[in-house]
Protein backbone atom coordinates (compact mmCIF):
# COMPACT_ATOMS: atom_id res chain seq x y z
CA UNK A 1 0.05 0.03 -0.06
CA UNK A 2 1.02 3.53 -0.88
CA UNK A 3 -0.30 6.99 0.20
CA UNK A 4 -1.77 8.80 -2.36
CA UNK A 5 -0.22 12.46 -3.38
CA UNK A 6 -2.96 13.89 -1.05
CA UNK A 7 -2.29 11.57 1.84
CA UNK A 8 1.35 12.19 1.69
CA UNK A 9 0.60 15.98 1.81
CA UNK A 10 -1.61 15.43 4.45
CA UNK A 11 0.86 13.34 6.54
CA UNK A 12 3.58 15.82 6.17
CA UNK A 13 1.30 18.65 7.38
CA UNK A 14 0.22 16.62 10.38
CA UNK A 15 3.71 15.73 11.34
CA UNK A 16 4.80 19.38 11.12
CA UNK A 17 1.76 20.33 13.39
CA UNK A 18 2.89 17.80 15.86
CA UNK A 19 6.19 18.88 15.80
CA UNK A 20 5.18 22.53 16.40
CA UNK A 21 2.94 21.29 19.24
CA UNK A 22 5.89 19.45 20.96
CA UNK A 23 8.01 22.37 20.70
CA UNK A 24 5.36 24.84 22.29
CA UNK A 25 4.95 22.11 25.11
CA UNK A 26 8.83 22.16 25.60
CA UNK A 27 8.86 25.85 25.88
CA UNK A 28 6.17 25.57 28.76
CA UNK A 29 8.22 22.82 30.53
CA UNK A 30 11.36 24.99 30.28
CA UNK A 31 9.49 27.91 31.78
CA UNK A 32 7.62 26.07 34.37
CA UNK A 33 8.44 27.38 37.98
CA UNK A 34 9.58 30.74 36.42
CA UNK A 35 6.99 33.47 37.47
CA UNK A 36 6.32 35.86 34.60
CA UNK A 37 3.66 38.32 33.32
CA UNK A 38 1.42 41.04 34.91
CA UNK A 39 0.48 40.79 38.52
CA UNK A 40 -2.38 43.31 39.20
CA UNK A 41 -2.95 44.04 42.87
CA UNK A 42 -6.15 46.04 44.00
CA UNK A 43 -6.15 47.71 47.40
CA UNK A 44 -6.99 50.59 49.39
CA UNK A 45 -4.63 53.44 49.03
CA UNK A 46 -3.06 53.35 52.85
CA UNK A 47 -2.55 49.52 52.39
CA UNK A 48 -0.58 50.03 49.15
CA UNK A 49 1.50 52.65 50.63
CA UNK A 50 2.10 51.18 53.95
CA UNK A 51 2.16 47.32 53.23
CA UNK A 52 2.67 46.75 49.48
CA UNK A 53 4.98 49.49 48.23
CA UNK A 54 7.74 48.85 50.85
CA UNK A 55 8.05 45.08 49.65
CA UNK A 56 7.81 45.80 46.01
CA UNK A 57 11.54 46.24 45.54
CA UNK A 58 12.24 42.83 47.19
CA UNK A 59 9.78 41.00 45.30
CA UNK A 60 10.82 42.51 42.02
CA UNK A 61 14.22 41.30 42.67
CA UNK A 62 13.04 37.96 43.53
CA UNK A 63 10.67 37.66 40.27
CA UNK A 64 12.14 40.04 37.74
CA UNK A 65 9.97 38.54 35.16
CA UNK A 66 6.75 39.84 36.86
CA UNK A 67 5.53 43.11 36.11
CA UNK A 68 3.19 44.53 39.04
CA UNK A 69 0.50 46.76 38.68
CA UNK A 70 -0.93 48.46 41.83
CA UNK A 71 -4.65 49.90 41.47
CA UNK A 72 -5.70 51.84 44.42
CA UNK A 73 -9.62 51.25 45.12
CA UNK A 74 -11.59 51.39 48.27
CA UNK A 75 -14.74 49.65 46.50
CA UNK A 76 -15.38 46.08 45.77
CA UNK A 77 -14.79 45.39 42.16
CA UNK A 78 -15.45 42.61 39.51
CA UNK A 79 -12.18 40.83 39.70
CA UNK A 80 -12.62 39.21 36.25
CA UNK A 81 -13.95 42.36 34.59
CA UNK A 82 -11.06 44.34 35.94
CA UNK A 83 -8.42 41.61 35.19
CA UNK A 84 -7.30 41.72 38.97
CA UNK A 85 -5.10 38.95 40.23
CA UNK A 86 -5.27 39.82 43.95
CA UNK A 87 -7.62 42.43 46.07
CA UNK A 88 -7.14 43.30 49.50
CA UNK A 89 -10.17 44.39 51.42
CA UNK A 90 -11.17 45.13 55.11
CA UNK A 91 -13.82 43.25 56.70
CA UNK A 92 -15.96 39.86 56.22
CA UNK A 93 -16.28 38.50 52.75
CA UNK A 94 -19.72 38.99 51.73
CA UNK A 95 -19.68 37.35 48.17
CA UNK A 96 -19.32 33.57 48.72
CA UNK A 97 -18.16 33.01 45.08
CA UNK A 98 -15.00 34.47 46.04
CA UNK A 99 -11.97 33.07 48.08
CA UNK A 100 -10.44 34.87 50.68
CA UNK A 101 -7.55 34.40 52.80
CA UNK A 102 -6.82 36.55 55.91
CA UNK A 103 -3.90 38.48 55.93
CA UNK A 104 -4.22 39.72 59.65
CA UNK A 105 -6.10 41.55 62.10
CA UNK A 106 -6.57 45.24 62.30
CA UNK A 107 -7.89 46.60 65.58
CA UNK A 108 -10.37 49.77 65.32
CA UNK A 109 -8.77 52.53 67.14
CA UNK A 110 -9.98 56.06 68.12
CA UNK A 111 -7.10 58.53 68.42
CA UNK A 112 -6.69 62.16 69.01
CA UNK A 113 -4.01 64.54 69.23
CA UNK A 114 -3.25 66.34 72.55
CA UNK A 115 -4.01 69.78 70.81
CA UNK A 116 -7.40 68.55 69.70
CA UNK A 117 -8.32 67.00 73.07
CA UNK A 118 -7.09 70.23 74.78
CA UNK A 119 -9.36 72.55 72.17
CA UNK A 120 -12.27 70.18 72.00
CA UNK A 121 -12.12 68.01 75.33
CA UNK A 122 -11.73 64.27 75.85
CA UNK A 123 -14.88 61.93 75.18
CA UNK A 124 -15.79 60.02 78.08
CA UNK A 125 -17.95 57.45 76.43
CA UNK A 126 -18.49 56.37 72.82
CA UNK A 127 -21.91 58.62 72.14
CA UNK A 128 -19.61 61.72 73.05
CA UNK A 129 -17.94 61.05 69.64
CA UNK A 130 -21.02 62.18 67.75
CA UNK A 131 -20.00 65.73 68.68
CA UNK A 132 -16.45 65.41 67.73
CA UNK A 133 -14.81 65.86 64.41
CA UNK A 134 -13.81 62.48 63.05
CA UNK A 135 -11.43 61.56 60.35
CA UNK A 136 -10.96 58.17 58.58
CA UNK A 137 -13.44 55.24 58.45
CA UNK A 138 -16.28 56.39 60.70
CA UNK A 139 -18.75 53.75 59.28
CA UNK A 140 -17.25 50.23 59.02
CA UNK A 141 -20.24 48.60 56.94
CA UNK A 142 -19.03 51.26 54.23
CA UNK A 143 -15.77 49.62 53.75
CA UNK A 144 -17.31 46.35 52.02
CA UNK A 145 -20.06 48.24 49.93
């Protein structure tokens, strides 16, 4: 039995395709274990400034093939739509379709400068705060809206 002219051309083309497929797979195997590409991180500005930014240089030296893109955002976003790899948020996870890993705990603190307390007085109970000037997150449920 012999292949027809069409059969020979078909066999030759299929062999080329299989060779290209093996070569492509070999590239993946060679790069396995080497992190590369874009890593998009979305977090609130204070978290980016005080937690992520200080470790960017060390991370970039360890993974030079990774391009880091930081996005500052306080609102919940659609991770797929925004093509975001990691989002850092404060509070309980409301969307059960997402996977969350706790990074740590943060205590709620009420702070005032000595000058402020001298000028406006020291609150004695939580209710007293209603008559004071507040800066920062005064409504925790808003953190995860």
